[in-house]
PDB file of N, CA and C in Angstrom:
ATOM      1  N   MET A   1       0.841  -1.171   0.000  1.00  0.00           N
ATOM      2  CA  MET A   1       0.000   0.000   0.000  1.00  0.00           C
ATOM      3  C   MET A   1       0.890   1.238   0.000  1.00  0.00           C
ATOM      4  N   ALA A   2       0.544   2.196  -0.812  1.00  0.00           N
ATOM      5  CA  ALA A   2       1.306   3.442  -0.880  1.00  0.00           C
ATOM      6  C   ALA A   2       1.111   4.234   0.404  1.00  0.00           C
ATOM      7  N   LYS A   3       2.139   4.948   0.793  1.00  0.00           N
ATOM      8  CA  LYS A   3       2.093   5.751   2.023  1.00  0.00           C
ATOM      9  C   LYS A   3       1.885   7.207   1.664  1.00  0.00           C
ATOM     10  N   THR A   4       1.130   7.900   2.498  1.00  0.00           N
ATOM     11  CA  THR A   4       0.879   9.324   2.349  1.00  0.00           C
ATOM     12  C   THR A   4       1.357  10.015   3.607  1.00  0.00           C
ATOM     13  N   GLN A   5       2.031  11.121   3.443  1.00  0.00           N
ATOM     14  CA  GLN A   5       2.507  11.865   4.603  1.00  0.00           C
ATOM     15  C   GLN A   5       1.364  12.684   5.186  1.00  0.00           C
ATOM     16  N   LEU A   6       1.253  12.646   6.499  1.00  0.00           N
ATOM     17  CA  LEU A   6       0.218  13.374   7.217  1.00  0.00           C
ATOM     18  C   LEU A   6       0.901  14.122   8.355  1.00  0.00           C
ATOM     19  N   ASN A   7       0.807  15.427   8.360  1.00  0.00           N
ATOM     20  CA  ASN A   7       1.410  16.235   9.422  1.00  0.00           C
ATOM     21  C   ASN A   7       0.338  16.582  10.444  1.00  0.00           C
ATOM     22  N   VAL A   8       0.638  16.302  11.704  1.00  0.00           N
ATOM     23  CA  VAL A   8      -0.317  16.530  12.776  1.00  0.00           C
ATOM     24  C   VAL A   8       0.364  17.323  13.875  1.00  0.00           C
ATOM     25  N   ARG A   9      -0.339  18.301  14.399  1.00  0.00           N
ATOM     26  CA  ARG A   9       0.196  19.085  15.520  1.00  0.00           C
ATOM     27  C   ARG A   9      -0.514  18.651  16.792  1.00  0.00           C
ATOM     28  N   VAL A  10       0.283  18.313  17.811  1.00  0.00           N
ATOM     29  CA  VAL A  10      -0.254  17.928  19.110  1.00  0.00           C
ATOM     30  C   VAL A  10       0.536  18.653  20.193  1.00  0.00           C
ATOM     31  N   ASP A  11      -0.037  18.709  21.388  1.00  0.00           N
ATOM     32  CA  ASP A  11       0.693  19.358  22.479  1.00  0.00           C
ATOM     33  C   ASP A  11       1.870  18.476  22.902  1.00  0.00           C
ATOM     34  N   GLU A  12       2.777  19.051  23.666  1.00  0.00           N
ATOM     35  CA  GLU A  12       4.018  18.364  24.032  1.00  0.00           C
ATOM     36  C   GLU A  12       3.750  17.087  24.845  1.00  0.00           C
ATOM     37  N   ASP A  13       2.765  17.113  25.737  1.00  0.00           N
ATOM     38  CA  ASP A  13       2.452  15.921  26.533  1.00  0.00           C
ATOM     39  C   ASP A  13       1.963  14.770  25.658  1.00  0.00           C
ATOM     40  N   THR A  14       1.144  15.079  24.668  1.00  0.00           N
ATOM     41  CA  THR A  14       0.641  14.048  23.756  1.00  0.00           C
ATOM     42  C   THR A  14       1.784  13.484  22.917  1.00  0.00           C
ATOM     43  N   ALA A  15       2.659  14.345  22.446  1.00  0.00           N
ATOM     44  CA  ALA A  15       3.807  13.898  21.653  1.00  0.00           C
ATOM     45  C   ALA A  15       4.708  12.991  22.490  1.00  0.00           C
ATOM     46  N   ARG A  16       4.956  13.380  23.732  1.00  0.00           N
ATOM     47  CA  ARG A  16       5.806  12.590  24.623  1.00  0.00           C
ATOM     48  C   ARG A  16       5.148  11.221  24.885  1.00  0.00           C
ATOM     49  N   ALA A  17       3.851  11.223  25.145  1.00  0.00           N
ATOM     50  CA  ALA A  17       3.145   9.966  25.394  1.00  0.00           C
ATOM     51  C   ALA A  17       3.209   9.049  24.172  1.00  0.00           C
ATOM     52  N   ALA A  18       3.035   9.607  22.994  1.00  0.00           N
ATOM     53  CA  ALA A  18       3.101   8.808  21.762  1.00  0.00           C
ATOM     54  C   ALA A  18       4.483   8.199  21.587  1.00  0.00           C
ATOM     55  N   ARG A  19       5.514   8.978  21.826  1.00  0.00           N
ATOM     56  CA  ARG A  19       6.892   8.461  21.699  1.00  0.00           C
ATOM     57  C   ARG A  19       7.145   7.344  22.709  1.00  0.00           C
ATOM     58  N   GLU A  20       6.709   7.567  23.956  1.00  0.00           N
ATOM     59  CA  GLU A  20       6.933   6.564  25.003  1.00  0.00           C
ATOM     60  C   GLU A  20       6.189   5.264  24.706  1.00  0.00           C
ATOM     61  N   ARG A  21       4.921   5.372  24.321  1.00  0.00           N
ATOM     62  CA  ARG A  21       4.132   4.172  24.032  1.00  0.00           C
ATOM     63  C   ARG A  21       4.697   3.413  22.836  1.00  0.00           C
ATOM     64  N   ALA A  22       5.116   4.140  21.807  1.00  0.00           N
ATOM     65  CA  ALA A  22       5.708   3.491  20.635  1.00  0.00           C
ATOM     66  C   ALA A  22       6.993   2.766  21.030  1.00  0.00           C
ATOM     67  N   LEU A  23       7.823   3.411  21.841  1.00  0.00           N
ATOM     68  CA  LEU A  23       9.072   2.803  22.299  1.00  0.00           C
ATOM     69  C   LEU A  23       8.796   1.543  23.116  1.00  0.00           C
ATOM     70  N   GLU A  24       7.806   1.603  24.011  1.00  0.00           N
ATOM     71  CA  GLU A  24       7.428   0.438  24.814  1.00  0.00           C
ATOM     72  C   GLU A  24       7.013  -0.736  23.941  1.00  0.00           C
ATOM     73  N   ARG A  25       6.410  -0.436  22.821  1.00  0.00           N
ATOM     74  CA  ARG A  25       5.932  -1.481  21.914  1.00  0.00           C
ATOM     75  C   ARG A  25       6.973  -1.859  20.857  1.00  0.00           C
ATOM     76  N   GLY A  26       8.100  -1.171  20.873  1.00  0.00           N
ATOM     77  CA  GLY A  26       9.171  -1.484  19.923  1.00  0.00           C
ATOM     78  C   GLY A  26       8.842  -1.102  18.495  1.00  0.00           C
ATOM     79  N   MET A  27       8.154   0.008  18.328  1.00  0.00           N
ATOM     80  CA  MET A  27       7.786   0.451  16.980  1.00  0.00           C
ATOM     81  C   MET A  27       7.991   1.945  16.843  1.00  0.00           C
ATOM     82  N   SER A  28       7.943   2.403  15.619  1.00  0.00           N
ATOM     83  CA  SER A  28       8.064   3.841  15.367  1.00  0.00           C
ATOM     84  C   SER A  28       6.771   4.545  15.771  1.00  0.00           C
ATOM     85  N   VAL A  29       6.886   5.852  15.979  1.00  0.00           N
ATOM     86  CA  VAL A  29       5.697   6.651  16.290  1.00  0.00           C
ATOM     87  C   VAL A  29       4.729   6.580  15.117  1.00  0.00           C
ATOM     88  N   ASN A  30       5.241   6.618  13.887  1.00  0.00           N
ATOM     89  CA  ASN A  30       4.369   6.510  12.717  1.00  0.00           C
ATOM     90  C   ASN A  30       3.547   5.225  12.760  1.00  0.00           C
ATOM     91  N   ARG A  31       4.211   4.114  13.019  1.00  0.00           N
ATOM     92  CA  ARG A  31       3.524   2.821  13.055  1.00  0.00           C
ATOM     93  C   ARG A  31       2.511   2.778  14.199  1.00  0.00           C
ATOM     94  N   TYR A  32       2.891   3.329  15.349  1.00  0.00           N
ATOM     95  CA  TYR A  32       2.003   3.366  16.507  1.00  0.00           C
ATOM     96  C   TYR A  32       0.720   4.128  16.186  1.00  0.00           C
ATOM     97  N   ILE A  33       0.862   5.310  15.609  1.00  0.00           N
ATOM     98  CA  ILE A  33      -0.302   6.126  15.243  1.00  0.00           C
ATOM     99  C   ILE A  33      -1.143   5.404  14.197  1.00  0.00           C
ATOM    100  N   GLU A  34      -0.475   4.803  13.225  1.00  0.00           N
ATOM    101  CA  GLU A  34      -1.181   4.069  12.172  1.00  0.00           C
ATOM    102  C   GLU A  34      -2.019   2.944  12.774  1.00  0.00           C
ATOM    103  N   GLU A  35      -1.456   2.203  13.722  1.00  0.00           N
ATOM    104  CA  GLU A  35      -2.202   1.117  14.358  1.00  0.00           C
ATOM    105  C   GLU A  35      -3.365   1.635  15.197  1.00  0.00           C
ATOM    106  N   LEU A  36      -3.174   2.765  15.865  1.00  0.00           N
ATOM    107  CA  LEU A  36      -4.277   3.345  16.635  1.00  0.00           C
ATOM    108  C   LEU A  36      -5.451   3.702  15.737  1.00  0.00           C
ATOM    109  N   VAL A  37      -5.160   4.280  14.593  1.00  0.00           N
ATOM    110  CA  VAL A  37      -6.219   4.664  13.666  1.00  0.00           C
ATOM    111  C   VAL A  37      -6.907   3.415  13.114  1.00  0.00           C
ATOM    112  N   ARG A  38      -6.134   2.400  12.772  1.00  0.00           N
ATOM    113  CA  ARG A  38      -6.730   1.151  12.271  1.00  0.00           C
ATOM    114  C   ARG A  38      -7.637   0.525  13.314  1.00  0.00           C
ATOM    115  N   GLN A  39      -7.189   0.499  14.563  1.00  0.00           N
ATOM    116  CA  GLN A  39      -8.023  -0.054  15.631  1.00  0.00           C
ATOM    117  C   GLN A  39      -9.299   0.757  15.777  1.00  0.00           C
ATOM    118  N   ASP A  40      -9.183   2.059  15.713  1.00  0.00           N
ATOM    119  CA  ASP A  40     -10.340   2.931  15.885  1.00  0.00           C
ATOM    120  C   ASP A  40     -11.353   2.754  14.755  1.00  0.00           C
ATOM    121  N   THR A  41     -10.874   2.493  13.567  1.00  0.00           N
ATOM    122  CA  THR A  41     -11.777   2.327  12.431  1.00  0.00           C
ATOM    123  C   THR A  41     -12.233   0.883  12.252  1.00  0.00           C
ATOM    124  N   GLY A  42     -11.756  -0.009  13.117  1.00  0.00           N
ATOM    125  CA  GLY A  42     -12.181  -1.399  13.077  1.00  0.00           C
ATOM    126  C   GLY A  42     -11.432  -2.257  12.086  1.00  0.00           C
ATOM    127  N   GLU A  43     -10.463  -1.703  11.404  1.00  0.00           N
ATOM    128  CA  GLU A  43      -9.738  -2.480  10.406  1.00  0.00           C
ATOM    129  C   GLU A  43      -8.974  -3.632  11.040  1.00  0.00           C
ATOM    130  N   ALA A  44      -8.419  -3.402  12.217  1.00  0.00           N
ATOM    131  CA  ALA A  44      -7.647  -4.457  12.886  1.00  0.00           C
ATOM    132  C   ALA A  44      -8.547  -5.644  13.200  1.00  0.00           C
ATOM    133  N   GLY A  45      -9.738  -5.377  13.720  1.00  0.00           N
ATOM    134  CA  GLY A  45     -10.669  -6.459  14.030  1.00  0.00           C
ATOM    135  C   GLY A  45     -11.104  -7.214  12.788  1.00  0.00           C
ATOM    136  N   HIS A  46     -11.378  -6.476  11.733  1.00  0.00           N
ATOM    137  CA  HIS A  46     -11.788  -7.096  10.473  1.00  0.00           C
ATOM    138  C   HIS A  46     -10.655  -7.956   9.921  1.00  0.00           C
ATOM    139  N   THR A  47      -9.435  -7.443   9.977  1.00  0.00           N
ATOM    140  CA  THR A  47      -8.277  -8.191   9.505  1.00  0.00           C
ATOM    141  C   THR A  47      -8.092  -9.466  10.315  1.00  0.00           C
ATOM    142  N   PHE A  48      -8.293  -9.380  11.635  1.00  0.00           N
ATOM    143  CA  PHE A  48      -8.177 -10.563  12.490  1.00  0.00           C
ATOM    144  C   PHE A  48      -9.205 -11.618  12.100  1.00  0.00           C
ATOM    145  N   VAL A  49     -10.430 -11.209  11.889  1.00  0.00           N
ATOM    146  CA  VAL A  49     -11.493 -12.152  11.534  1.00  0.00           C
ATOM    147  C   VAL A  49     -11.179 -12.823  10.205  1.00  0.00           C
ATOM    148  N   GLU A  50     -10.698 -12.060   9.237  1.00  0.00           N
ATOM    149  CA  GLU A  50     -10.323 -12.639   7.942  1.00  0.00           C
ATOM    150  C   GLU A  50      -9.194 -13.653   8.101  1.00  0.00           C
ATOM    151  N   ALA A  51      -8.192 -13.305   8.908  1.00  0.00           N
ATOM    152  CA  ALA A  51      -7.066 -14.214   9.127  1.00  0.00           C
ATOM    153  C   ALA A  51      -7.532 -15.479   9.843  1.00  0.00           C
ATOM    154  N   ALA A  52      -8.423 -15.342  10.811  1.00  0.00           N
ATOM    155  CA  ALA A  52      -8.947 -16.506  11.522  1.00  0.00           C
ATOM    156  C   ALA A  52      -9.736 -17.408  10.579  1.00  0.00           C
ATOM    157  N   ALA A  53     -10.525 -16.813   9.699  1.00  0.00           N
ATOM    158  CA  ALA A  53     -11.296 -17.594   8.731  1.00  0.00           C
ATOM    159  C   ALA A  53     -10.366 -18.347   7.780  1.00  0.00           C
ATOM    160  N   ASP A  54      -9.312 -17.679   7.327  1.00  0.00           N
ATOM    161  CA  ASP A  54      -8.337 -18.341   6.458  1.00  0.00           C
ATOM    162  C   ASP A  54      -7.660 -19.504   7.184  1.00  0.00           C
ATOM    163  N   PHE A  55      -7.320 -19.289   8.446  1.00  0.00           N
ATOM    164  CA  PHE A  55      -6.698 -20.337   9.256  1.00  0.00           C
ATOM    165  C   PHE A  55      -7.623 -21.540   9.375  1.00  0.00           C
ATOM    166  N   MET A  56      -8.893 -21.281   9.673  1.00  0.00           N
ATOM    167  CA  MET A  56      -9.839 -22.374   9.824  1.00  0.00           C
ATOM    168  C   MET A  56     -10.020 -23.145   8.518  1.00  0.00           C
ATOM    169  N   LYS A  57     -10.042 -22.440   7.386  1.00  0.00           N
ATOM    170  CA  LYS A  57     -10.142 -23.130   6.096  1.00  0.00           C
ATOM    171  C   LYS A  57      -8.939 -24.031   5.882  1.00  0.00           C
ATOM    172  N   GLN A  58      -7.760 -23.510   6.227  1.00  0.00           N
ATOM    173  CA  GLN A  58      -6.529 -24.253   5.997  1.00  0.00           C
ATOM    174  C   GLN A  58      -6.461 -25.511   6.870  1.00  0.00           C
ATOM    175  N   TYR A  59      -6.944 -25.420   8.101  1.00  0.00           N
ATOM    176  CA  TYR A  59      -6.831 -26.526   9.042  1.00  0.00           C
ATOM    177  C   TYR A  59      -8.172 -27.191   9.364  1.00  0.00           C
ATOM    178  N   GLU A  60      -9.152 -26.971   8.518  1.00  0.00           N
ATOM    179  CA  GLU A  60     -10.492 -27.514   8.758  1.00  0.00           C
ATOM    180  C   GLU A  60     -10.483 -29.024   8.961  1.00  0.00           C
ATOM    181  N   SER A  61      -9.754 -29.744   8.133  1.00  0.00           N
ATOM    182  CA  SER A  61      -9.743 -31.205   8.233  1.00  0.00           C
ATOM    183  C   SER A  61      -9.109 -31.659   9.544  1.00  0.00           C
ATOM    184  N   VAL A  62      -8.099 -30.951  10.006  1.00  0.00           N
ATOM    185  CA  VAL A  62      -7.447 -31.309  11.268  1.00  0.00           C
ATOM    186  C   VAL A  62      -8.422 -31.127  12.420  1.00  0.00           C
ATOM    187  N   PHE A  63      -9.135 -29.995  12.449  1.00  0.00           N
ATOM    188  CA  PHE A  63     -10.107 -29.741  13.508  1.00  0.00           C
ATOM    189  C   PHE A  63     -11.257 -30.751  13.437  1.00  0.00           C
ATOM    190  N   ALA A  64     -11.715 -31.038  12.244  1.00  0.00           N
ATOM    191  CA  ALA A  64     -12.815 -31.990  12.099  1.00  0.00           C
ATOM    192  C   ALA A  64     -12.409 -33.362  12.602  1.00  0.00           C
ATOM    193  N   GLU A  65     -11.198 -33.764  12.269  1.00  0.00           N
ATOM    194  CA  GLU A  65     -10.713 -35.059  12.718  1.00  0.00           C
ATOM    195  C   GLU A  65     -10.573 -35.097  14.240  1.00  0.00           C
ATOM    196  N   GLU A  66      -9.978 -34.072  14.798  1.00  0.00           N
ATOM    197  CA  GLU A  66      -9.726 -34.034  16.243  1.00  0.00           C
ATOM    198  C   GLU A  66     -11.005 -33.864  17.057  1.00  0.00           C
ATOM    199  N   PHE A  67     -11.801 -32.876  16.723  1.00  0.00           N
ATOM    200  CA  PHE A  67     -12.960 -32.548  17.530  1.00  0.00           C
ATOM    201  C   PHE A  67     -14.214 -33.304  17.093  1.00  0.00           C
ATOM    202  N   GLY A  68     -14.264 -33.709  15.850  1.00  0.00           N
ATOM    203  CA  GLY A  68     -15.395 -34.520  15.399  1.00  0.00           C
ATOM    204  C   GLY A  68     -15.392 -35.864  16.094  1.00  0.00           C
ATOM    205  N   ALA A  69     -14.221 -36.468  16.243  1.00  0.00           N
ATOM    206  CA  ALA A  69     -14.102 -37.745  16.930  1.00  0.00           C
ATOM    207  C   ALA A  69     -14.449 -37.588  18.403  1.00  0.00           C
ATOM    208  N   ALA A  70     -14.048 -36.495  18.999  1.00  0.00           N
ATOM    209  CA  ALA A  70     -14.354 -36.261  20.417  1.00  0.00           C
ATOM    210  C   ALA A  70     -15.856 -36.085  20.600  1.00  0.00           C
ATOM    211  N   HIS A  71     -16.506 -35.400  19.681  1.00  0.00           N
ATOM    212  CA  HIS A  71     -17.952 -35.172  19.769  1.00  0.00           C
ATOM    213  C   HIS A  71     -18.707 -36.489  19.612  1.00  0.00           C
ATOM    214  N   GLU A  72     -18.291 -37.314  18.668  1.00  0.00           N
ATOM    215  CA  GLU A  72     -18.964 -38.583  18.426  1.00  0.00           C
ATOM    216  C   GLU A  72     -18.772 -39.540  19.595  1.00  0.00           C
ATOM    217  N   GLY A  73     -17.670 -39.413  20.305  1.00  0.00           N
ATOM    218  CA  GLY A  73     -17.360 -40.330  21.390  1.00  0.00           C
ATOM    219  C   GLY A  73     -18.003 -39.970  22.715  1.00  0.00           C
ATOM    220  N   ARG A  74     -18.870 -38.986  22.751  1.00  0.00           N
ATOM    221  CA  ARG A  74     -19.470 -38.575  24.023  1.00  0.00           C
ATOM    222  C   ARG A  74     -20.476 -39.596  24.556  1.00  0.00           C
ATOM    223  N   GLY A  75     -21.095 -40.329  23.667  1.00  0.00           N
ATOM    224  CA  GLY A  75     -22.018 -41.380  24.084  1.00  0.00           C
ATOM    225  C   GLY A  75     -23.215 -40.847  24.843  1.00  0.00           C
ATOM    226  N   GLU A  76     -23.485 -41.444  26.015  1.00  0.00           N
ATOM    227  CA  GLU A  76     -24.673 -41.089  26.777  1.00  0.00           C
ATOM    228  C   GLU A  76     -24.671 -39.655  27.264  1.00  0.00           C
ATOM    229  N   GLY A  77     -23.519 -39.047  27.377  1.00  0.00           N
ATOM    230  CA  GLY A  77     -23.450 -37.673  27.870  1.00  0.00           C
ATOM    231  C   GLY A  77     -23.715 -36.640  26.806  1.00  0.00           C
ATOM    232  N   SER A  78     -23.900 -37.058  25.572  1.00  0.00           N
ATOM    233  CA  SER A  78     -24.087 -36.079  24.507  1.00  0.00           C
ATOM    234  C   SER A  78     -25.457 -35.433  24.578  1.00  0.00           C
ATOM    235  N   ARG A  79     -25.549 -34.240  24.073  1.00  0.00           N
ATOM    236  CA  ARG A  79     -26.818 -33.514  24.067  1.00  0.00           C
ATOM    237  C   ARG A  79     -27.846 -34.265  23.235  1.00  0.00           C
ATOM    238  N   GLU A  80     -27.412 -34.847  22.106  1.00  0.00           N
ATOM    239  CA  GLU A  80     -28.334 -35.572  21.249  1.00  0.00           C
ATOM    240  C   GLU A  80     -28.955 -36.741  22.010  1.00  0.00           C
ATOM    241  N   HIS A  81     -28.119 -37.440  22.768  1.00  0.00           N
ATOM    242  CA  HIS A  81     -28.613 -38.589  23.516  1.00  0.00           C
ATOM    243  C   HIS A  81     -29.576 -38.124  24.610  1.00  0.00           C
ATOM    244  N   ARG A  82     -29.240 -37.072  25.335  1.00  0.00           N
ATOM    245  CA  ARG A  82     -30.097 -36.555  26.402  1.00  0.00           C
ATOM    246  C   ARG A  82     -31.440 -36.084  25.850  1.00  0.00           C
ATOM    247  N   ASN A  83     -31.465 -35.535  24.642  1.00  0.00           N
ATOM    248  CA  ASN A  83     -32.697 -35.007  24.065  1.00  0.00           C
ATOM    249  C   ASN A  83     -33.587 -36.092  23.469  1.00  0.00           C
ATOM    250  N   GLU A  84     -33.081 -37.308  23.282  1.00  0.00           N
ATOM    251  CA  GLU A  84     -33.878 -38.372  22.675  1.00  0.00           C
ATOM    252  C   GLU A  84     -35.110 -38.685  23.504  1.00  0.00           C
ATOM    253  N   GLY A  85     -34.993 -38.670  24.814  1.00  0.00           N
ATOM    254  CA  GLY A  85     -36.122 -38.991  25.679  1.00  0.00           C
ATOM    255  C   GLY A  85     -37.182 -37.904  25.699  1.00  0.00           C
ATOM    256  N   ARG A  86     -36.876 -36.732  25.207  1.00  0.00           N
ATOM    257  CA  ARG A  86     -37.820 -35.612  25.226  1.00  0.00           C
ATOM    258  C   ARG A  86     -38.711 -35.577  24.002  1.00  0.00           C
ATOM    259  N   ARG A  87     -38.415 -36.400  23.007  1.00  0.00           N
ATOM    260  CA  ARG A  87     -39.167 -36.343  21.751  1.00  0.00           C
ATOM    261  C   ARG A  87     -40.408 -37.146  21.805  1.00  0.00           C
TER     262      ARG A  87
END
């Protein structure tokens, strides 16, 4: 993605806080501000959901094998079994 320069004026306390927080996180002030804006606009959350969906697609068979077998093996304790007597 192409970068655009944005000049912002803030008071000295805000500038100091931004520098300190960026340093604590091991990133530049530019990157810190960029991430704050993304979080505020919801882009970070949307990106996370997309990445999680991609992960699940990639490992769907592994999860199905692992957890599908566990679900089938519940026997009498399963919800399906408990609900049979209610029908």
